[in-house]
Amino acid sequence: EAAEVKSLASKAKAGDAYDFSKLAPEAAERLDALYTSINAKVGYAMPELAMKPIPKSADAAANAYIEQVNAKLAAAEQQLKQARLTAFVSAF
């Protein structure tokens, strides 16, 4: 498993950092599965934060604001995932 994590991490390496969006969907899913599996073995688990988008309303002005908030939620979710995976692959 460690060798597989290193292999996937090398594919996501971008300079001194990682860009996990470069991974193929199957590889990204496998990295997530390895993250879950390895951390379960060592007794560590980072709970998934379910950031659900705010549903739109009947008010058009409110919908513009809701879209902005939903975009920020999606960006925050991506930042958390990036940080989580970076810390994980850096351990190998």
PDB file of N, CA and C in Angstrom:
ATOM      1  N   GLU A   1       0.821  -1.195   0.000  1.00  0.00           N
ATOM      2  CA  GLU A   1       0.000   0.000   0.000  1.00  0.00           C
ATOM      3  C   GLU A   1       0.864   1.257   0.000  1.00  0.00           C
ATOM      4  N   ALA A   2       1.949   1.245   0.766  1.00  0.00           N
ATOM      5  CA  ALA A   2       2.822   2.419   0.831  1.00  0.00           C
ATOM      6  C   ALA A   2       3.409   2.729  -0.544  1.00  0.00           C
ATOM      7  N   ALA A   3       3.826   1.695  -1.260  1.00  0.00           N
ATOM      8  CA  ALA A   3       4.384   1.904  -2.599  1.00  0.00           C
ATOM      9  C   ALA A   3       3.326   2.473  -3.539  1.00  0.00           C
ATOM     10  N   GLU A   4       2.096   2.029  -3.373  1.00  0.00           N
ATOM     11  CA  GLU A   4       1.011   2.535  -4.221  1.00  0.00           C
ATOM     12  C   GLU A   4       0.728   4.003  -3.918  1.00  0.00           C
ATOM     13  N   VAL A   5       0.773   4.366  -2.644  1.00  0.00           N
ATOM     14  CA  VAL A   5       0.576   5.776  -2.270  1.00  0.00           C
ATOM     15  C   VAL A   5       1.684   6.620  -2.882  1.00  0.00           C
ATOM     16  N   LYS A   6       2.944   6.143  -2.785  1.00  0.00           N
ATOM     17  CA  LYS A   6       4.071   6.886  -3.360  1.00  0.00           C
ATOM     18  C   LYS A   6       3.907   7.041  -4.871  1.00  0.00           C
ATOM     19  N   SER A   7       3.458   5.983  -5.515  1.00  0.00           N
ATOM     20  CA  SER A   7       3.274   6.027  -6.960  1.00  0.00           C
ATOM     21  C   SER A   7       2.203   7.043  -7.349  1.00  0.00           C
ATOM     22  N   LEU A   8       1.083   7.013  -6.648  1.00  0.00           N
ATOM     23  CA  LEU A   8       0.007   7.973  -6.940  1.00  0.00           C
ATOM     24  C   LEU A   8       0.443   9.396  -6.616  1.00  0.00           C
ATOM     25  N   ALA A   9       1.186   9.545  -5.524  1.00  0.00           N
ATOM     26  CA  ALA A   9       1.661  10.877  -5.141  1.00  0.00           C
ATOM     27  C   ALA A   9       2.598  11.442  -6.206  1.00  0.00           C
ATOM     28  N   SER A  10       3.442  10.581  -6.769  1.00  0.00           N
ATOM     29  CA  SER A  10       4.376  11.063  -7.799  1.00  0.00           C
ATOM     30  C   SER A  10       3.636  11.570  -9.032  1.00  0.00           C
ATOM     31  N   LYS A  11       2.498  10.979  -9.323  1.00  0.00           N
ATOM     32  CA  LYS A  11       1.698  11.422 -10.466  1.00  0.00           C
ATOM     33  C   LYS A  11       1.025  12.770 -10.205  1.00  0.00           C
ATOM     34  N   ALA A  12       0.845  13.103  -8.928  1.00  0.00           N
ATOM     35  CA  ALA A  12       0.192  14.359  -8.567  1.00  0.00           C
ATOM     36  C   ALA A  12       1.195  15.453  -8.201  1.00  0.00           C
ATOM     37  N   LYS A  13       2.465  15.106  -8.205  1.00  0.00           N
ATOM     38  CA  LYS A  13       3.498  16.063  -7.802  1.00  0.00           C
ATOM     39  C   LYS A  13       3.545  17.223  -8.785  1.00  0.00           C
ATOM     40  N   ALA A  14       3.561  18.427  -8.233  1.00  0.00           N
ATOM     41  CA  ALA A  14       3.645  19.643  -9.044  1.00  0.00           C
ATOM     42  C   ALA A  14       4.639  20.586  -8.367  1.00  0.00           C
ATOM     43  N   GLY A  15       5.904  20.459  -8.712  1.00  0.00           N
ATOM     44  CA  GLY A  15       6.925  21.260  -8.043  1.00  0.00           C
ATOM     45  C   GLY A  15       7.124  20.763  -6.624  1.00  0.00           C
ATOM     46  N   ASP A  16       6.992  21.665  -5.662  1.00  0.00           N
ATOM     47  CA  ASP A  16       7.130  21.298  -4.253  1.00  0.00           C
ATOM     48  C   ASP A  16       5.800  20.906  -3.630  1.00  0.00           C
ATOM     49  N   ALA A  17       4.742  20.983  -4.390  1.00  0.00           N
ATOM     50  CA  ALA A  17       3.397  20.712  -3.859  1.00  0.00           C
ATOM     51  C   ALA A  17       2.771  19.562  -4.642  1.00  0.00           C
ATOM     52  N   TYR A  18       1.499  19.348  -4.383  1.00  0.00           N
ATOM     53  CA  TYR A  18       0.745  18.310  -5.078  1.00  0.00           C
ATOM     54  C   TYR A  18      -0.494  18.922  -5.710  1.00  0.00           C
ATOM     55  N   ASP A  19      -0.839  18.422  -6.883  1.00  0.00           N
ATOM     56  CA  ASP A  19      -2.064  18.829  -7.563  1.00  0.00           C
ATOM     57  C   ASP A  19      -2.851  17.555  -7.850  1.00  0.00           C
ATOM     58  N   PHE A  20      -3.736  17.195  -6.919  1.00  0.00           N
ATOM     59  CA  PHE A  20      -4.467  15.943  -7.028  1.00  0.00           C
ATOM     60  C   PHE A  20      -5.502  15.957  -8.153  1.00  0.00           C
ATOM     61  N   SER A  21      -5.775  17.133  -8.707  1.00  0.00           N
ATOM     62  CA  SER A  21      -6.697  17.194  -9.842  1.00  0.00           C
ATOM     63  C   SER A  21      -6.047  16.616 -11.105  1.00  0.00           C
ATOM     64  N   LYS A  22      -4.719  16.445 -11.079  1.00  0.00           N
ATOM     65  CA  LYS A  22      -4.016  15.843 -12.219  1.00  0.00           C
ATOM     66  C   LYS A  22      -4.247  14.337 -12.299  1.00  0.00           C
ATOM     67  N   LEU A  23      -4.685  13.733 -11.202  1.00  0.00           N
ATOM     68  CA  LEU A  23      -4.908  12.292 -11.192  1.00  0.00           C
ATOM     69  C   LEU A  23      -6.143  11.922 -12.007  1.00  0.00           C
ATOM     70  N   ALA A  24      -6.075  10.783 -12.655  1.00  0.00           N
ATOM     71  CA  ALA A  24      -7.247  10.244 -13.341  1.00  0.00           C
ATOM     72  C   ALA A  24      -8.304   9.934 -12.286  1.00  0.00           C
ATOM     73  N   PRO A  25      -9.592   9.969 -12.626  1.00  0.00           N
ATOM     74  CA  PRO A  25     -10.635   9.705 -11.633  1.00  0.00           C
ATOM     75  C   PRO A  25     -10.443   8.395 -10.876  1.00  0.00           C
ATOM     76  N   GLU A  26     -10.015   7.345 -11.587  1.00  0.00           N
ATOM     77  CA  GLU A  26      -9.794   6.050 -10.922  1.00  0.00           C
ATOM     78  C   GLU A  26      -8.649   6.141  -9.920  1.00  0.00           C
ATOM     79  N   ALA A  27      -7.586   6.862 -10.284  1.00  0.00           N
ATOM     80  CA  ALA A  27      -6.437   7.016  -9.397  1.00  0.00           C
ATOM     81  C   ALA A  27      -6.810   7.853  -8.175  1.00  0.00           C
ATOM     82  N   ALA A  28      -7.620   8.889  -8.376  1.00  0.00           N
ATOM     83  CA  ALA A  28      -8.056   9.725  -7.254  1.00  0.00           C
ATOM     84  C   ALA A  28      -8.919   8.915  -6.291  1.00  0.00           C
ATOM     85  N   GLU A  29      -9.793   8.085  -6.845  1.00  0.00           N
ATOM     86  CA  GLU A  29     -10.635   7.226  -5.995  1.00  0.00           C
ATOM     87  C   GLU A  29      -9.777   6.229  -5.224  1.00  0.00           C
ATOM     88  N   ARG A  30      -8.745   5.684  -5.889  1.00  0.00           N
ATOM     89  CA  ARG A  30      -7.867   4.723  -5.226  1.00  0.00           C
ATOM     90  C   ARG A  30      -7.082   5.396  -4.102  1.00  0.00           C
ATOM     91  N   LEU A  31      -6.627   6.627  -4.319  1.00  0.00           N
ATOM     92  CA  LEU A  31      -5.901   7.354  -3.274  1.00  0.00           C
ATOM     93  C   LEU A  31      -6.811   7.600  -2.077  1.00  0.00           C
ATOM     94  N   ASP A  32      -8.056   7.964  -2.329  1.00  0.00           N
ATOM     95  CA  ASP A  32      -9.015   8.146  -1.234  1.00  0.00           C
ATOM     96  C   ASP A  32      -9.232   6.836  -0.481  1.00  0.00           C
ATOM     97  N   ALA A  33      -9.318   5.730  -1.223  1.00  0.00           N
ATOM     98  CA  ALA A  33      -9.509   4.431  -0.585  1.00  0.00           C
ATOM     99  C   ALA A  33      -8.294   4.049   0.255  1.00  0.00           C
ATOM    100  N   LEU A  34      -7.104   4.319  -0.257  1.00  0.00           N
ATOM    101  CA  LEU A  34      -5.887   4.043   0.508  1.00  0.00           C
ATOM    102  C   LEU A  34      -5.826   4.915   1.760  1.00  0.00           C
ATOM    103  N   TYR A  35      -6.219   6.166   1.636  1.00  0.00           N
ATOM    104  CA  TYR A  35      -6.261   7.070   2.786  1.00  0.00           C
ATOM    105  C   TYR A  35      -7.149   6.479   3.874  1.00  0.00           C
ATOM    106  N   THR A  36      -8.329   6.048   3.502  1.00  0.00           N
ATOM    107  CA  THR A  36      -9.275   5.483   4.456  1.00  0.00           C
ATOM    108  C   THR A  36      -8.740   4.185   5.054  1.00  0.00           C
ATOM    109  N   SER A  37      -8.243   3.318   4.214  1.00  0.00           N
ATOM    110  CA  SER A  37      -7.759   2.007   4.651  1.00  0.00           C
ATOM    111  C   SER A  37      -6.566   2.113   5.591  1.00  0.00           C
ATOM    112  N   ILE A  38      -5.571   2.875   5.191  1.00  0.00           N
ATOM    113  CA  ILE A  38      -4.354   2.991   5.999  1.00  0.00           C
ATOM    114  C   ILE A  38      -4.646   3.685   7.321  1.00  0.00           C
ATOM    115  N   ASN A  39      -5.429   4.742   7.279  1.00  0.00           N
ATOM    116  CA  ASN A  39      -5.740   5.448   8.518  1.00  0.00           C
ATOM    117  C   ASN A  39      -6.604   4.601   9.447  1.00  0.00           C
ATOM    118  N   ALA A  40      -7.451   3.758   8.901  1.00  0.00           N
ATOM    119  CA  ALA A  40      -8.253   2.858   9.742  1.00  0.00           C
ATOM    120  C   ALA A  40      -7.353   1.852  10.448  1.00  0.00           C
ATOM    121  N   LYS A  41      -6.314   1.399   9.761  1.00  0.00           N
ATOM    122  CA  LYS A  41      -5.379   0.432  10.346  1.00  0.00           C
ATOM    123  C   LYS A  41      -4.601   1.020  11.521  1.00  0.00           C
ATOM    124  N   VAL A  42      -4.292   2.299  11.448  1.00  0.00           N
ATOM    125  CA  VAL A  42      -3.507   2.931  12.512  1.00  0.00           C
ATOM    126  C   VAL A  42      -4.395   3.638  13.535  1.00  0.00           C
ATOM    127  N   GLY A  43      -5.701   3.535  13.351  1.00  0.00           N
ATOM    128  CA  GLY A  43      -6.624   4.103  14.325  1.00  0.00           C
ATOM    129  C   GLY A  43      -6.857   5.588  14.199  1.00  0.00           C
ATOM    130  N   TYR A  44      -6.606   6.142  13.029  1.00  0.00           N
ATOM    131  CA  TYR A  44      -6.821   7.568  12.813  1.00  0.00           C
ATOM    132  C   TYR A  44      -7.887   7.736  11.746  1.00  0.00           C
ATOM    133  N   ALA A  45      -8.778   8.637  12.002  1.00  0.00           N
ATOM    134  CA  ALA A  45      -9.816   8.900  11.001  1.00  0.00           C
ATOM    135  C   ALA A  45     -10.170  10.377  11.012  1.00  0.00           C
ATOM    136  N   MET A  46     -10.140  10.956   9.845  1.00  0.00           N
ATOM    137  CA  MET A  46     -10.573  12.340   9.673  1.00  0.00           C
ATOM    138  C   MET A  46     -11.987  12.276   9.122  1.00  0.00           C
ATOM    139  N   PRO A  47     -12.958  12.744   9.887  1.00  0.00           N
ATOM    140  CA  PRO A  47     -14.338  12.639   9.403  1.00  0.00           C
ATOM    141  C   PRO A  47     -14.563  13.483   8.152  1.00  0.00           C
ATOM    142  N   GLU A  48     -15.379  12.963   7.295  1.00  0.00           N
ATOM    143  CA  GLU A  48     -15.755  13.710   6.096  1.00  0.00           C
ATOM    144  C   GLU A  48     -16.755  14.794   6.501  1.00  0.00           C
ATOM    145  N   LEU A  49     -16.497  15.987   6.065  1.00  0.00           N
ATOM    146  CA  LEU A  49     -17.426  17.079   6.336  1.00  0.00           C
ATOM    147  C   LEU A  49     -18.396  17.187   5.173  1.00  0.00           C
ATOM    148  N   ALA A  50     -19.639  16.983   5.467  1.00  0.00           N
ATOM    149  CA  ALA A  50     -20.660  17.057   4.423  1.00  0.00           C
ATOM    150  C   ALA A  50     -21.124  18.508   4.285  1.00  0.00           C
ATOM    151  N   MET A  51     -20.559  19.192   3.315  1.00  0.00           N
ATOM    152  CA  MET A  51     -20.947  20.575   3.049  1.00  0.00           C
ATOM    153  C   MET A  51     -21.953  20.571   1.923  1.00  0.00           C
ATOM    154  N   LYS A  52     -23.197  20.560   2.289  1.00  0.00           N
ATOM    155  CA  LYS A  52     -24.256  20.515   1.283  1.00  0.00           C
ATOM    156  C   LYS A  52     -24.564  21.921   0.789  1.00  0.00           C
ATOM    157  N   PRO A  53     -24.766  22.064  -0.512  1.00  0.00           N
ATOM    158  CA  PRO A  53     -25.108  23.387  -1.036  1.00  0.00           C
ATOM    159  C   PRO A  53     -26.470  23.849  -0.508  1.00  0.00           C
ATOM    160  N   ILE A  54     -26.584  25.139  -0.381  1.00  0.00           N
ATOM    161  CA  ILE A  54     -27.840  25.738   0.057  1.00  0.00           C
ATOM    162  C   ILE A  54     -28.808  25.690  -1.128  1.00  0.00           C
ATOM    163  N   PRO A  55     -30.012  25.204  -0.919  1.00  0.00           N
ATOM    164  CA  PRO A  55     -30.966  25.168  -2.042  1.00  0.00           C
ATOM    165  C   PRO A  55     -31.400  26.578  -2.443  1.00  0.00           C
ATOM    166  N   LYS A  56     -31.708  26.730  -3.713  1.00  0.00           N
ATOM    167  CA  LYS A  56     -32.157  28.041  -4.209  1.00  0.00           C
ATOM    168  C   LYS A  56     -33.562  28.335  -3.704  1.00  0.00           C
ATOM    169  N   SER A  57     -33.857  29.633  -3.705  1.00  0.00           N
ATOM    170  CA  SER A  57     -35.175  30.077  -3.252  1.00  0.00           C
ATOM    171  C   SER A  57     -35.937  30.683  -4.421  1.00  0.00           C
ATOM    172  N   ALA A  58     -37.092  31.216  -4.136  1.00  0.00           N
ATOM    173  CA  ALA A  58     -37.904  31.856  -5.173  1.00  0.00           C
ATOM    174  C   ALA A  58     -37.423  33.278  -5.459  1.00  0.00           C
ATOM    175  N   ASP A  59     -36.598  33.830  -4.590  1.00  0.00           N
ATOM    176  CA  ASP A  59     -36.106  35.196  -4.715  1.00  0.00           C
ATOM    177  C   ASP A  59     -34.838  35.220  -5.571  1.00  0.00           C
ATOM    178  N   ALA A  60     -34.892  35.906  -6.716  1.00  0.00           N
ATOM    179  CA  ALA A  60     -33.758  35.944  -7.641  1.00  0.00           C
ATOM    180  C   ALA A  60     -32.541  36.611  -7.012  1.00  0.00           C
ATOM    181  N   ALA A  61     -32.747  37.670  -6.243  1.00  0.00           N
ATOM    182  CA  ALA A  61     -31.622  38.355  -5.596  1.00  0.00           C
ATOM    183  C   ALA A  61     -30.970  37.441  -4.571  1.00  0.00           C
ATOM    184  N   ALA A  62     -31.773  36.708  -3.839  1.00  0.00           N
ATOM    185  CA  ALA A  62     -31.235  35.770  -2.854  1.00  0.00           C
ATOM    186  C   ALA A  62     -30.477  34.649  -3.551  1.00  0.00           C
ATOM    187  N   ASN A  63     -30.956  34.230  -4.704  1.00  0.00           N
ATOM    188  CA  ASN A  63     -30.290  33.154  -5.434  1.00  0.00           C
ATOM    189  C   ASN A  63     -28.879  33.540  -5.857  1.00  0.00           C
ATOM    190  N   ALA A  64     -28.672  34.792  -6.216  1.00  0.00           N
ATOM    191  CA  ALA A  64     -27.328  35.247  -6.576  1.00  0.00           C
ATOM    192  C   ALA A  64     -26.390  35.099  -5.380  1.00  0.00           C
ATOM    193  N   TYR A  65     -26.876  35.468  -4.211  1.00  0.00           N
ATOM    194  CA  TYR A  65     -26.086  35.340  -2.990  1.00  0.00           C
ATOM    195  C   TYR A  65     -25.854  33.860  -2.658  1.00  0.00           C
ATOM    196  N   ILE A  66     -26.889  33.064  -2.797  1.00  0.00           N
ATOM    197  CA  ILE A  66     -26.793  31.625  -2.512  1.00  0.00           C
ATOM    198  C   ILE A  66     -25.759  30.973  -3.427  1.00  0.00           C
ATOM    199  N   GLU A  67     -25.730  31.377  -4.692  1.00  0.00           N
ATOM    200  CA  GLU A  67     -24.745  30.823  -5.622  1.00  0.00           C
ATOM    201  C   GLU A  67     -23.325  31.171  -5.191  1.00  0.00           C
ATOM    202  N   GLN A  68     -23.127  32.398  -4.694  1.00  0.00           N
ATOM    203  CA  GLN A  68     -21.808  32.805  -4.216  1.00  0.00           C
ATOM    204  C   GLN A  68     -21.397  31.974  -2.997  1.00  0.00           C
ATOM    205  N   VAL A  69     -22.323  31.800  -2.073  1.00  0.00           N
ATOM    206  CA  VAL A  69     -22.033  31.011  -0.878  1.00  0.00           C
ATOM    207  C   VAL A  69     -21.739  29.565  -1.257  1.00  0.00           C
ATOM    208  N   ASN A  70     -22.516  28.993  -2.156  1.00  0.00           N
ATOM    209  CA  ASN A  70     -22.294  27.618  -2.585  1.00  0.00           C
ATOM    210  C   ASN A  70     -20.935  27.462  -3.275  1.00  0.00           C
ATOM    211  N   ALA A  71     -20.524  28.464  -4.046  1.00  0.00           N
ATOM    212  CA  ALA A  71     -19.212  28.420  -4.699  1.00  0.00           C
ATOM    213  C   ALA A  71     -18.098  28.447  -3.656  1.00  0.00           C
ATOM    214  N   LYS A  72     -18.271  29.253  -2.623  1.00  0.00           N
ATOM    215  CA  LYS A  72     -17.262  29.311  -1.549  1.00  0.00           C
ATOM    216  C   LYS A  72     -17.226  28.008  -0.753  1.00  0.00           C
ATOM    217  N   LEU A  73     -18.392  27.395  -0.544  1.00  0.00           N
ATOM    218  CA  LEU A  73     -18.431  26.091   0.134  1.00  0.00           C
ATOM    219  C   LEU A  73     -17.679  25.036  -0.674  1.00  0.00           C
ATOM    220  N   ALA A  74     -17.894  25.028  -1.972  1.00  0.00           N
ATOM    221  CA  ALA A  74     -17.219  24.058  -2.832  1.00  0.00           C
ATOM    222  C   ALA A  74     -15.707  24.286  -2.822  1.00  0.00           C
ATOM    223  N   ALA A  75     -15.295  25.547  -2.840  1.00  0.00           N
ATOM    224  CA  ALA A  75     -13.863  25.866  -2.805  1.00  0.00           C
ATOM    225  C   ALA A  75     -13.250  25.443  -1.471  1.00  0.00           C
ATOM    226  N   ALA A  76     -13.957  25.689  -0.378  1.00  0.00           N
ATOM    227  CA  ALA A  76     -13.455  25.293   0.946  1.00  0.00           C
ATOM    228  C   ALA A  76     -13.334  23.776   1.042  1.00  0.00           C
ATOM    229  N   GLU A  77     -14.301  23.066   0.487  1.00  0.00           N
ATOM    230  CA  GLU A  77     -14.268  21.605   0.502  1.00  0.00           C
ATOM    231  C   GLU A  77     -13.048  21.097  -0.264  1.00  0.00           C
ATOM    232  N   GLN A  78     -12.742  21.712  -1.410  1.00  0.00           N
ATOM    233  CA  GLN A  78     -11.578  21.319  -2.196  1.00  0.00           C
ATOM    234  C   GLN A  78     -10.281  21.622  -1.452  1.00  0.00           C
ATOM    235  N   GLN A  79     -10.226  22.770  -0.764  1.00  0.00           N
ATOM    236  CA  GLN A  79      -9.027  23.127  -0.003  1.00  0.00           C
ATOM    237  C   GLN A  79      -8.784  22.133   1.124  1.00  0.00           C
ATOM    238  N   LEU A  80      -9.837  21.737   1.817  1.00  0.00           N
ATOM    239  CA  LEU A  80      -9.701  20.758   2.891  1.00  0.00           C
ATOM    240  C   LEU A  80      -9.224  19.416   2.353  1.00  0.00           C
ATOM    241  N   LYS A  81      -9.772  18.986   1.241  1.00  0.00           N
ATOM    242  CA  LYS A  81      -9.368  17.716   0.650  1.00  0.00           C
ATOM    243  C   LYS A  81      -7.913  17.778   0.209  1.00  0.00           C
ATOM    244  N   GLN A  82      -7.517  18.875  -0.406  1.00  0.00           N
ATOM    245  CA  GLN A  82      -6.132  19.060  -0.844  1.00  0.00           C
ATOM    246  C   GLN A  82      -5.185  18.986   0.356  1.00  0.00           C
ATOM    247  N   ALA A  83      -5.514  19.676   1.431  1.00  0.00           N
ATOM    248  CA  ALA A  83      -4.662  19.676   2.624  1.00  0.00           C
ATOM    249  C   ALA A  83      -4.596  18.284   3.247  1.00  0.00           C
ATOM    250  N   ARG A  84      -5.717  17.601   3.311  1.00  0.00           N
ATOM    251  CA  ARG A  84      -5.777  16.260   3.900  1.00  0.00           C
ATOM    252  C   ARG A  84      -4.916  15.293   3.104  1.00  0.00           C
ATOM    253  N   LEU A  85      -5.070  15.296   1.792  1.00  0.00           N
ATOM    254  CA  LEU A  85      -4.302  14.375   0.957  1.00  0.00           C
ATOM    255  C   LEU A  85      -2.817  14.737   0.917  1.00  0.00           C
ATOM    256  N   THR A  86      -2.504  16.019   0.947  1.00  0.00           N
ATOM    257  CA  THR A  86      -1.103  16.446   0.962  1.00  0.00           C
ATOM    258  C   THR A  86      -0.427  15.944   2.235  1.00  0.00           C
ATOM    259  N   ALA A  87      -1.067  16.112   3.365  1.00  0.00           N
ATOM    260  CA  ALA A  87      -0.498  15.620   4.628  1.00  0.00           C
ATOM    261  C   ALA A  87      -0.340  14.109   4.585  1.00  0.00           C
ATOM    262  N   PHE A  88      -1.309  13.418   4.005  1.00  0.00           N
ATOM    263  CA  PHE A  88      -1.267  11.959   3.924  1.00  0.00           C
ATOM    264  C   PHE A  88      -0.085  11.479   3.071  1.00  0.00           C
ATOM    265  N   VAL A  89       0.015  11.962   1.836  1.00  0.00           N
ATOM    266  CA  VAL A  89       1.075  11.466   0.954  1.00  0.00           C
ATOM    267  C   VAL A  89       2.454  11.933   1.403  1.00  0.00           C
ATOM    268  N   SER A  90       2.523  13.040   2.112  1.00  0.00           N
ATOM    269  CA  SER A  90       3.814  13.530   2.616  1.00  0.00           C
ATOM    270  C   SER A  90       4.383  12.604   3.694  1.00  0.00           C
ATOM    271  N   ALA A  91       3.540  11.815   4.305  1.00  0.00           N
ATOM    272  CA  ALA A  91       3.989  10.870   5.337  1.00  0.00           C
ATOM    273  C   ALA A  91       4.714   9.674   4.724  1.00  0.00           C
ATOM    274  N   PHE A  92       4.644   9.540   3.410  1.00  0.00           N
ATOM    275  CA  PHE A  92       5.275   8.405   2.744  1.00  0.00           C
ATOM    276  C   PHE A  92       6.448   8.906   1.981  1.00  0.00           C
TER     277      PHE A  92
END
